[in-house]
Structures are given as structure tokens and as C-alpha cells.
Amino acid sequence: MKRWFILLGAVLILAVIGGAGYLGYRASQLTNRGVVQAPPTISVERGDVAQSVTTPGQLVGMRERMLSPGVAGRPSKINVRAGDHVKAGQVLAELDSSDLAIQVQQAEAALKTAQARLALAQRGPDANDIAAGLQRCFYPSLLPGGRLAFRFRLRIETEF
């Protein structure tokens, strides 16, 4: 029996809370459905607009490109400044080419040396080259007793 009283009391408490919530909800709906008031209006006059807005920010170009030259080097001349308008094909900056000029001279010298060696190898040895080679290989020497002997000396040199 005591159990029934506890259960009945809990149901009554829930009913009171639910009824109060429903009445509060209904009351708020009635006040929101009231007469809609029009916003305040003012008359329009011709004239200059004197209103401005100041905000902090940063301007960013819509078509901004990152430059990366094909070779490394220090810029020697910059022809444009930030904010300048540029056209396609316009020279924006020039790189210092002194290091590259030295490399070109070295490469040209190496090319001339290689061309001279190739021409010499294609021509082949002449009679003077053969005589000089034989002279380096054979050299006379005196043996004990005053006899003359030719000795052979061979030195192989290769280049790759």
C-alpha cells in the first residue's frame, strides 16, 4: 500500500510539472502572435553620402604570382615596385650574370681542348710521332767491356 502512495505521488508531481510547462509555452506563443509593428521609416532626400566605415585589414591582389627563376643568382636590377601594374613579357628583374659568364668561358675552353684532342686522335700519328715514341722506348747503354746494347723501356699511358 505504501508503494501505491509513492507511485501516485510521483505521477501527480509529473502531471503538475507537465501542466505548468504547457501553460508557459502557450502563454509565450500568444504574446509572439501579437500585432506586428512596422519598422521606423524616414524620408529620403537627395545629397552626398557622408558615411564611411573604417576597419583594419590587408589588401591582397587577386592575381598574385610567385616568381622562381630557372637559375640561382642574385638580382642585379629590379625594374618594378610593389603595386605597379605589369604586362605579359615585361622584364621584372635581372640577375647578376658574372658567375654565369665565367662558367661559359670555362665550358668554351674545355670544348676547344676536347676538339683539339679529337682532331689529333682522328689524324693519327705521323712519322715524327713514331720516331719520338721509338726513341723514348729504346735507349743505348754501354755494357761492361765497352759493348753497346739497346735496352727497351716501355711506359704505357692511358687517358679516359
N, C-alpha and C. Protein backbone atom coordinates (compact mmCIF):
# COMPACT_ATOMS: atom_id res chain seq x y z
N MET A 1 0.80 -1.17 0.00
CA MET A 1 0.00 0.00 0.00
C MET A 1 0.87 1.27 0.00
N LYS A 2 1.90 1.21 0.78
CA LYS A 2 2.78 2.35 0.84
C LYS A 2 3.42 2.60 -0.54
N ARG A 3 3.59 1.54 -1.25
CA ARG A 3 4.17 1.64 -2.59
C ARG A 3 3.25 2.41 -3.53
N TRP A 4 1.97 2.18 -3.39
CA TRP A 4 0.99 2.84 -4.26
C TRP A 4 0.97 4.34 -4.01
N PHE A 5 1.14 4.74 -2.78
CA PHE A 5 1.15 6.17 -2.45
C PHE A 5 2.37 6.88 -3.07
N ILE A 6 3.49 6.20 -3.02
CA ILE A 6 4.71 6.78 -3.59
C ILE A 6 4.56 6.91 -5.11
N LEU A 7 4.03 5.88 -5.74
CA LEU A 7 3.83 5.89 -7.20
C LEU A 7 2.81 6.95 -7.58
N LEU A 8 1.71 7.05 -6.86
CA LEU A 8 0.69 8.03 -7.14
C LEU A 8 1.22 9.45 -6.93
N GLY A 9 2.04 9.66 -5.91
CA GLY A 9 2.64 10.97 -5.66
C GLY A 9 3.58 11.38 -6.79
N ALA A 10 4.37 10.44 -7.29
CA ALA A 10 5.30 10.73 -8.39
C ALA A 10 4.53 11.10 -9.65
N VAL A 11 3.44 10.40 -9.96
CA VAL A 11 2.63 10.70 -11.14
C VAL A 11 2.00 12.07 -11.02
N LEU A 12 1.49 12.42 -9.84
CA LEU A 12 0.90 13.74 -9.63
C LEU A 12 1.94 14.86 -9.79
N ILE A 13 3.14 14.66 -9.29
CA ILE A 13 4.21 15.68 -9.42
C ILE A 13 4.56 15.88 -10.89
N LEU A 14 4.66 14.77 -11.64
CA LEU A 14 4.97 14.86 -13.08
C LEU A 14 3.84 15.56 -13.82
N ALA A 15 2.61 15.31 -13.45
CA ALA A 15 1.46 15.95 -14.11
C ALA A 15 1.47 17.45 -13.84
N VAL A 16 1.79 17.86 -12.61
CA VAL A 16 1.83 19.28 -12.28
C VAL A 16 2.95 19.97 -13.06
N ILE A 17 4.13 19.35 -13.15
CA ILE A 17 5.25 19.94 -13.88
C ILE A 17 4.91 20.04 -15.37
N GLY A 18 4.33 18.98 -15.95
CA GLY A 18 3.95 18.99 -17.36
C GLY A 18 2.90 20.05 -17.65
N GLY A 19 1.90 20.18 -16.78
CA GLY A 19 0.85 21.19 -16.98
C GLY A 19 1.42 22.59 -16.92
N ALA A 20 2.34 22.85 -15.98
CA ALA A 20 2.94 24.18 -15.86
C ALA A 20 3.77 24.50 -17.10
N GLY A 21 4.50 23.51 -17.62
CA GLY A 21 5.30 23.73 -18.83
C GLY A 21 4.42 24.03 -20.03
N TYR A 22 3.28 23.32 -20.14
CA TYR A 22 2.38 23.54 -21.27
C TYR A 22 1.76 24.94 -21.20
N LEU A 23 1.35 25.36 -20.03
CA LEU A 23 0.76 26.69 -19.87
C LEU A 23 1.77 27.79 -20.16
N GLY A 24 3.02 27.60 -19.75
CA GLY A 24 4.06 28.60 -20.04
C GLY A 24 4.34 28.69 -21.54
N TYR A 25 4.37 27.55 -22.20
CA TYR A 25 4.61 27.53 -23.65
C TYR A 25 3.48 28.23 -24.37
N ARG A 26 2.25 27.93 -23.99
CA ARG A 26 1.06 28.51 -24.64
C ARG A 26 1.04 30.03 -24.43
N ALA A 27 1.41 30.49 -23.27
CA ALA A 27 1.40 31.92 -22.98
C ALA A 27 2.44 32.65 -23.83
N SER A 28 3.59 32.04 -24.03
CA SER A 28 4.62 32.69 -24.84
C SER A 28 4.22 32.73 -26.31
N GLN A 29 3.47 31.76 -26.79
CA GLN A 29 3.01 31.74 -28.17
C GLN A 29 1.98 32.84 -28.41
N LEU A 30 1.16 33.13 -27.45
CA LEU A 30 0.13 34.16 -27.63
C LEU A 30 0.75 35.55 -27.70
N THR A 31 1.81 35.81 -26.93
CA THR A 31 2.43 37.13 -26.97
C THR A 31 3.21 37.32 -28.25
N ASN A 32 3.79 36.28 -28.81
CA ASN A 32 4.54 36.38 -30.06
C ASN A 32 3.61 36.57 -31.24
N ARG A 33 2.36 36.16 -31.14
CA ARG A 33 1.43 36.29 -32.25
C ARG A 33 0.71 37.63 -32.25
N GLY A 34 1.18 38.52 -31.47
CA GLY A 34 0.53 39.83 -31.36
C GLY A 34 0.66 40.63 -32.66
N VAL A 35 0.32 41.88 -32.64
CA VAL A 35 0.34 42.76 -33.80
C VAL A 35 1.79 43.02 -34.19
N VAL A 36 2.08 42.85 -35.48
CA VAL A 36 3.42 43.11 -36.00
C VAL A 36 3.57 44.59 -36.24
N GLN A 37 4.60 45.17 -35.68
CA GLN A 37 4.80 46.60 -35.85
C GLN A 37 5.76 46.84 -37.02
N ALA A 38 5.45 47.85 -37.82
CA ALA A 38 6.31 48.20 -38.96
C ALA A 38 7.57 48.88 -38.42
N PRO A 39 8.72 48.67 -39.08
CA PRO A 39 9.95 49.34 -38.64
C PRO A 39 9.84 50.84 -38.88
N PRO A 40 10.59 51.62 -38.13
CA PRO A 40 10.52 53.07 -38.32
C PRO A 40 11.09 53.46 -39.68
N THR A 41 10.52 54.45 -40.32
CA THR A 41 10.97 54.92 -41.63
C THR A 41 11.31 56.39 -41.55
N ILE A 42 12.14 56.81 -42.52
CA ILE A 42 12.49 58.23 -42.63
C ILE A 42 12.32 58.65 -44.07
N SER A 43 12.20 59.94 -44.32
CA SER A 43 12.02 60.43 -45.68
C SER A 43 13.39 60.51 -46.37
N VAL A 44 13.39 60.34 -47.69
CA VAL A 44 14.62 60.32 -48.48
C VAL A 44 14.86 61.70 -49.07
N GLU A 45 16.10 62.16 -49.01
CA GLU A 45 16.47 63.44 -49.60
C GLU A 45 17.68 63.24 -50.49
N ARG A 46 17.80 64.00 -51.55
CA ARG A 46 18.97 63.93 -52.42
C ARG A 46 20.15 64.65 -51.77
N GLY A 47 21.35 64.09 -51.96
CA GLY A 47 22.53 64.72 -51.39
C GLY A 47 23.72 63.76 -51.42
N ASP A 48 24.85 64.19 -50.95
CA ASP A 48 26.06 63.37 -50.91
C ASP A 48 26.02 62.45 -49.70
N VAL A 49 26.53 61.26 -49.88
CA VAL A 49 26.61 60.31 -48.77
C VAL A 49 27.84 60.65 -47.96
N ALA A 50 27.66 60.83 -46.69
CA ALA A 50 28.76 61.25 -45.82
C ALA A 50 29.04 60.20 -44.76
N GLN A 51 28.81 58.94 -45.09
CA GLN A 51 29.04 57.88 -44.12
C GLN A 51 30.20 57.02 -44.62
N SER A 52 31.12 56.68 -43.74
CA SER A 52 32.25 55.82 -44.11
C SER A 52 32.48 54.81 -43.02
N VAL A 53 33.15 53.72 -43.42
CA VAL A 53 33.45 52.65 -42.48
C VAL A 53 34.95 52.44 -42.47
N THR A 54 35.55 52.41 -41.33
CA THR A 54 36.99 52.19 -41.20
C THR A 54 37.20 50.88 -40.46
N THR A 55 37.93 49.95 -41.11
CA THR A 55 38.23 48.67 -40.48
C THR A 55 39.69 48.31 -40.74
N PRO A 56 40.31 47.60 -39.84
CA PRO A 56 41.68 47.14 -40.10
C PRO A 56 41.65 45.96 -41.07
N GLY A 57 42.68 45.82 -41.87
CA GLY A 57 42.75 44.70 -42.81
C GLY A 57 43.97 44.80 -43.69
N GLN A 58 44.06 43.89 -44.62
CA GLN A 58 45.19 43.83 -45.54
C GLN A 58 44.64 43.57 -46.94
N LEU A 59 45.09 44.37 -47.91
CA LEU A 59 44.68 44.18 -49.29
C LEU A 59 45.56 43.12 -49.94
N VAL A 60 44.94 42.23 -50.68
CA VAL A 60 45.68 41.16 -51.36
C VAL A 60 45.24 41.16 -52.81
N GLY A 61 46.20 41.11 -53.73
CA GLY A 61 45.89 41.08 -55.15
C GLY A 61 45.17 39.80 -55.53
N MET A 62 44.28 39.91 -56.50
CA MET A 62 43.52 38.72 -56.92
C MET A 62 44.37 37.81 -57.79
N ARG A 63 45.26 38.39 -58.57
CA ARG A 63 46.11 37.59 -59.44
C ARG A 63 47.56 37.80 -59.03
N GLU A 64 47.96 37.12 -57.99
CA GLU A 64 49.31 37.25 -57.47
C GLU A 64 50.08 36.00 -57.82
N ARG A 65 51.31 36.15 -58.31
CA ARG A 65 52.12 35.01 -58.72
C ARG A 65 53.45 35.02 -57.97
N MET A 66 53.92 33.83 -57.64
CA MET A 66 55.23 33.67 -57.02
C MET A 66 56.24 33.46 -58.14
N LEU A 67 57.33 34.23 -58.15
CA LEU A 67 58.34 34.12 -59.19
C LEU A 67 59.44 33.18 -58.74
N SER A 68 59.88 32.32 -59.65
CA SER A 68 61.02 31.46 -59.37
C SER A 68 61.81 31.28 -60.66
N PRO A 69 62.96 31.95 -60.76
CA PRO A 69 63.76 31.84 -61.98
C PRO A 69 64.34 30.44 -62.12
N GLY A 70 64.70 30.09 -63.35
CA GLY A 70 65.23 28.76 -63.63
C GLY A 70 66.65 28.56 -63.11
N VAL A 71 67.37 29.64 -62.86
CA VAL A 71 68.75 29.54 -62.34
C VAL A 71 68.85 30.34 -61.05
N ALA A 72 69.82 29.97 -60.24
CA ALA A 72 70.05 30.68 -58.99
C ALA A 72 70.95 31.88 -59.24
N GLY A 73 70.78 32.90 -58.47
CA GLY A 73 71.64 34.07 -58.60
C GLY A 73 71.08 35.24 -57.81
N ARG A 74 71.90 36.28 -57.72
CA ARG A 74 71.48 37.49 -57.01
C ARG A 74 70.89 38.47 -58.01
N PRO A 75 69.81 39.13 -57.64
CA PRO A 75 69.25 40.13 -58.56
C PRO A 75 70.18 41.34 -58.65
N SER A 76 70.45 41.79 -59.86
CA SER A 76 71.28 42.97 -60.04
C SER A 76 70.45 44.20 -60.31
N LYS A 77 69.21 44.01 -60.81
CA LYS A 77 68.36 45.15 -61.12
C LYS A 77 66.91 44.73 -60.97
N ILE A 78 66.10 45.53 -60.28
CA ILE A 78 64.67 45.27 -60.12
C ILE A 78 63.94 46.42 -60.81
N ASN A 79 63.14 46.10 -61.81
CA ASN A 79 62.52 47.12 -62.65
C ASN A 79 61.13 47.56 -62.19
N VAL A 80 60.51 46.86 -61.24
CA VAL A 80 59.17 47.21 -60.78
C VAL A 80 59.15 47.28 -59.26
N ARG A 81 58.12 47.94 -58.74
CA ARG A 81 57.94 48.04 -57.29
C ARG A 81 56.61 47.40 -56.93
N ALA A 82 56.40 47.18 -55.66
CA ALA A 82 55.14 46.59 -55.19
C ALA A 82 54.00 47.53 -55.55
N GLY A 83 52.96 46.97 -56.13
CA GLY A 83 51.78 47.74 -56.51
C GLY A 83 51.80 48.21 -57.94
N ASP A 84 52.93 48.10 -58.66
CA ASP A 84 52.99 48.51 -60.07
C ASP A 84 52.19 47.54 -60.92
N HIS A 85 51.59 48.06 -61.98
CA HIS A 85 50.91 47.21 -62.96
C HIS A 85 51.96 46.70 -63.94
N VAL A 86 51.90 45.42 -64.26
CA VAL A 86 52.86 44.82 -65.19
C VAL A 86 52.09 44.17 -66.33
N LYS A 87 52.80 43.98 -67.43
CA LYS A 87 52.21 43.35 -68.62
C LYS A 87 52.93 42.05 -68.90
N ALA A 88 52.30 41.19 -69.67
CA ALA A 88 52.92 39.91 -70.03
C ALA A 88 54.17 40.19 -70.85
N GLY A 89 55.26 39.52 -70.50
CA GLY A 89 56.52 39.66 -71.22
C GLY A 89 57.41 40.78 -70.70
N GLN A 90 56.94 41.57 -69.76
CA GLN A 90 57.74 42.67 -69.22
C GLN A 90 58.84 42.11 -68.33
N VAL A 91 60.05 42.67 -68.45
CA VAL A 91 61.18 42.24 -67.63
C VAL A 91 61.00 42.85 -66.24
N LEU A 92 60.85 41.99 -65.23
CA LEU A 92 60.62 42.45 -63.87
C LEU A 92 61.93 42.66 -63.12
N ALA A 93 62.90 41.77 -63.35
CA ALA A 93 64.17 41.85 -62.64
C ALA A 93 65.25 41.19 -63.49
N GLU A 94 66.49 41.57 -63.25
CA GLU A 94 67.63 40.98 -63.95
C GLU A 94 68.56 40.37 -62.91
N LEU A 95 69.11 39.19 -63.24
CA LEU A 95 70.03 38.52 -62.33
C LEU A 95 71.47 38.88 -62.69
N ASP A 96 72.35 38.86 -61.69
CA ASP A 96 73.78 39.11 -61.90
C ASP A 96 74.34 37.93 -62.68
N SER A 97 74.88 38.21 -63.86
CA SER A 97 75.32 37.12 -64.74
C SER A 97 76.83 36.94 -64.77
N SER A 98 77.58 37.58 -63.87
CA SER A 98 79.04 37.47 -63.91
C SER A 98 79.49 36.04 -63.62
N ASP A 99 78.87 35.36 -62.66
CA ASP A 99 79.25 33.97 -62.36
C ASP A 99 78.93 33.07 -63.55
N LEU A 100 77.82 33.32 -64.19
CA LEU A 100 77.44 32.50 -65.35
C LEU A 100 78.37 32.76 -66.53
N ALA A 101 78.84 33.99 -66.71
CA ALA A 101 79.76 34.30 -67.80
C ALA A 101 81.09 33.56 -67.60
N ILE A 102 81.56 33.47 -66.37
CA ILE A 102 82.80 32.73 -66.08
C ILE A 102 82.59 31.25 -66.39
N GLN A 103 81.45 30.70 -66.02
CA GLN A 103 81.18 29.29 -66.31
C GLN A 103 81.11 29.05 -67.81
N VAL A 104 80.56 29.98 -68.57
CA VAL A 104 80.50 29.84 -70.03
C VAL A 104 81.91 29.85 -70.61
N GLN A 105 82.77 30.75 -70.15
CA GLN A 105 84.15 30.80 -70.64
C GLN A 105 84.89 29.51 -70.33
N GLN A 106 84.70 28.97 -69.13
CA GLN A 106 85.35 27.70 -68.78
C GLN A 106 84.85 26.57 -69.65
N ALA A 107 83.55 26.54 -69.91
CA ALA A 107 82.99 25.48 -70.76
C ALA A 107 83.49 25.61 -72.19
N GLU A 108 83.63 26.84 -72.70
CA GLU A 108 84.15 27.03 -74.06
C GLU A 108 85.60 26.58 -74.16
N ALA A 109 86.41 26.87 -73.13
CA ALA A 109 87.82 26.44 -73.12
C ALA A 109 87.91 24.91 -73.09
N ALA A 110 87.07 24.27 -72.28
CA ALA A 110 87.07 22.80 -72.23
C ALA A 110 86.63 22.21 -73.57
N LEU A 111 85.70 22.87 -74.25
CA LEU A 111 85.24 22.41 -75.57
C LEU A 111 86.37 22.50 -76.58
N LYS A 112 87.11 23.61 -76.59
CA LYS A 112 88.22 23.76 -77.54
C LYS A 112 89.31 22.71 -77.29
N THR A 113 89.60 22.43 -76.03
CA THR A 113 90.60 21.40 -75.69
C THR A 113 90.14 20.03 -76.18
N ALA A 114 88.88 19.71 -75.95
CA ALA A 114 88.35 18.42 -76.38
C ALA A 114 88.35 18.32 -77.91
N GLN A 115 88.04 19.42 -78.61
CA GLN A 115 88.04 19.39 -80.07
C GLN A 115 89.46 19.20 -80.61
N ALA A 116 90.46 19.81 -79.97
CA ALA A 116 91.86 19.65 -80.39
C ALA A 116 92.31 18.21 -80.19
N ARG A 117 91.97 17.61 -79.05
CA ARG A 117 92.33 16.20 -78.80
C ARG A 117 91.65 15.27 -79.80
N LEU A 118 90.39 15.55 -80.13
CA LEU A 118 89.68 14.73 -81.10
C LEU A 118 90.33 14.82 -82.47
N ALA A 119 90.69 16.03 -82.90
CA ALA A 119 91.34 16.21 -84.20
C ALA A 119 92.68 15.47 -84.23
N LEU A 120 93.44 15.53 -83.15
CA LEU A 120 94.73 14.83 -83.07
C LEU A 120 94.54 13.33 -83.12
N ALA A 121 93.51 12.81 -82.43
CA ALA A 121 93.26 11.37 -82.44
C ALA A 121 92.76 10.90 -83.80
N GLN A 122 91.96 11.71 -84.48
CA GLN A 122 91.45 11.33 -85.79
C GLN A 122 92.55 11.38 -86.86
N ARG A 123 93.51 12.29 -86.71
CA ARG A 123 94.60 12.42 -87.67
C ARG A 123 95.53 11.21 -87.59
N GLY A 124 95.76 10.69 -86.42
CA GLY A 124 96.67 9.56 -86.24
C GLY A 124 98.11 10.04 -86.15
N PRO A 125 99.04 9.13 -85.79
CA PRO A 125 100.44 9.54 -85.63
C PRO A 125 101.12 9.72 -87.00
N ASP A 126 102.03 10.69 -87.08
CA ASP A 126 102.84 10.86 -88.29
C ASP A 126 104.23 10.28 -88.02
N ALA A 127 105.12 10.43 -88.97
CA ALA A 127 106.46 9.83 -88.86
C ALA A 127 107.23 10.40 -87.68
N ASN A 128 107.11 11.69 -87.42
CA ASN A 128 107.83 12.30 -86.29
C ASN A 128 107.33 11.75 -84.95
N ASP A 129 106.00 11.54 -84.83
CA ASP A 129 105.44 10.99 -83.60
C ASP A 129 105.94 9.57 -83.37
N ILE A 130 106.03 8.80 -84.44
CA ILE A 130 106.50 7.41 -84.30
C ILE A 130 107.97 7.39 -83.91
N ALA A 131 108.79 8.23 -84.55
CA ALA A 131 110.23 8.29 -84.23
C ALA A 131 110.43 8.73 -82.79
N ALA A 132 109.69 9.71 -82.36
CA ALA A 132 109.83 10.17 -80.99
C ALA A 132 109.41 9.08 -80.02
N GLY A 133 108.39 8.33 -80.35
CA GLY A 133 107.95 7.24 -79.48
C GLY A 133 108.97 6.14 -79.40
N LEU A 134 109.57 5.78 -80.53
CA LEU A 134 110.61 4.74 -80.52
C LEU A 134 111.83 5.20 -79.74
N GLN A 135 112.17 6.46 -79.89
CA GLN A 135 113.34 6.98 -79.19
C GLN A 135 113.14 6.93 -77.68
N ARG A 136 111.90 7.11 -77.23
CA ARG A 136 111.65 7.03 -75.80
C ARG A 136 111.67 5.59 -75.30
N CYS A 137 111.34 4.64 -76.19
CA CYS A 137 111.29 3.23 -75.77
C CYS A 137 112.67 2.57 -75.77
N PHE A 138 113.50 2.86 -76.79
CA PHE A 138 114.82 2.24 -76.88
C PHE A 138 115.88 3.28 -76.58
N TYR A 139 116.82 2.91 -75.74
CA TYR A 139 117.91 3.82 -75.47
C TYR A 139 119.19 2.99 -75.36
N PRO A 140 120.27 3.54 -75.91
CA PRO A 140 121.53 2.77 -75.89
C PRO A 140 122.20 2.87 -74.53
N SER A 141 122.91 1.83 -74.19
CA SER A 141 123.70 1.86 -72.96
C SER A 141 124.95 1.00 -73.18
N LEU A 142 125.95 1.33 -72.43
CA LEU A 142 127.21 0.59 -72.55
C LEU A 142 127.22 -0.54 -71.54
N LEU A 143 127.60 -1.71 -72.05
CA LEU A 143 127.75 -2.86 -71.19
C LEU A 143 129.20 -2.94 -70.72
N PRO A 144 129.49 -3.71 -69.69
CA PRO A 144 130.91 -3.86 -69.30
C PRO A 144 131.72 -4.44 -70.46
N GLY A 145 132.80 -3.93 -70.67
CA GLY A 145 133.67 -4.36 -71.75
C GLY A 145 133.51 -3.48 -72.98
N GLY A 146 132.74 -2.40 -72.88
CA GLY A 146 132.62 -1.45 -73.97
C GLY A 146 131.64 -1.85 -75.05
N ARG A 147 130.84 -2.83 -74.80
CA ARG A 147 129.87 -3.23 -75.82
C ARG A 147 128.62 -2.35 -75.72
N LEU A 148 128.03 -2.10 -76.85
CA LEU A 148 126.84 -1.25 -76.95
C LEU A 148 125.60 -2.14 -76.97
N ALA A 149 124.64 -1.80 -76.15
CA ALA A 149 123.40 -2.59 -76.14
C ALA A 149 122.21 -1.62 -76.14
N PHE A 150 121.14 -2.05 -76.77
CA PHE A 150 119.90 -1.26 -76.77
C PHE A 150 118.94 -1.89 -75.78
N ARG A 151 118.50 -1.07 -74.91
CA ARG A 151 117.56 -1.57 -73.91
C ARG A 151 116.15 -1.03 -74.24
N PHE A 152 115.21 -1.82 -73.86
CA PHE A 152 113.82 -1.48 -74.15
C PHE A 152 113.14 -0.96 -72.89
N ARG A 153 112.52 0.19 -73.01
CA ARG A 153 111.80 0.77 -71.88
C ARG A 153 110.36 1.05 -72.37
N LEU A 154 109.43 0.51 -71.67
CA LEU A 154 108.04 0.66 -72.08
C LEU A 154 107.25 1.30 -70.94
N ARG A 155 106.59 2.35 -71.27
CA ARG A 155 105.74 3.02 -70.31
C ARG A 155 104.39 3.26 -70.99
N ILE A 156 103.37 2.72 -70.41
CA ILE A 156 102.05 2.82 -71.00
C ILE A 156 101.28 3.92 -70.29
N GLU A 157 100.77 4.85 -71.08
CA GLU A 157 99.96 5.92 -70.52
C GLU A 157 98.57 5.85 -71.17
N THR A 158 97.60 5.90 -70.37
CA THR A 158 96.23 5.88 -70.91
C THR A 158 95.43 7.03 -70.33
N GLU A 159 94.50 7.48 -71.11
CA GLU A 159 93.59 8.52 -70.66
C GLU A 159 92.16 8.10 -71.01
N PHE A 160 91.30 8.34 -70.09
CA PHE A 160 89.90 8.01 -70.36
C PHE A 160 89.08 9.25 -70.32
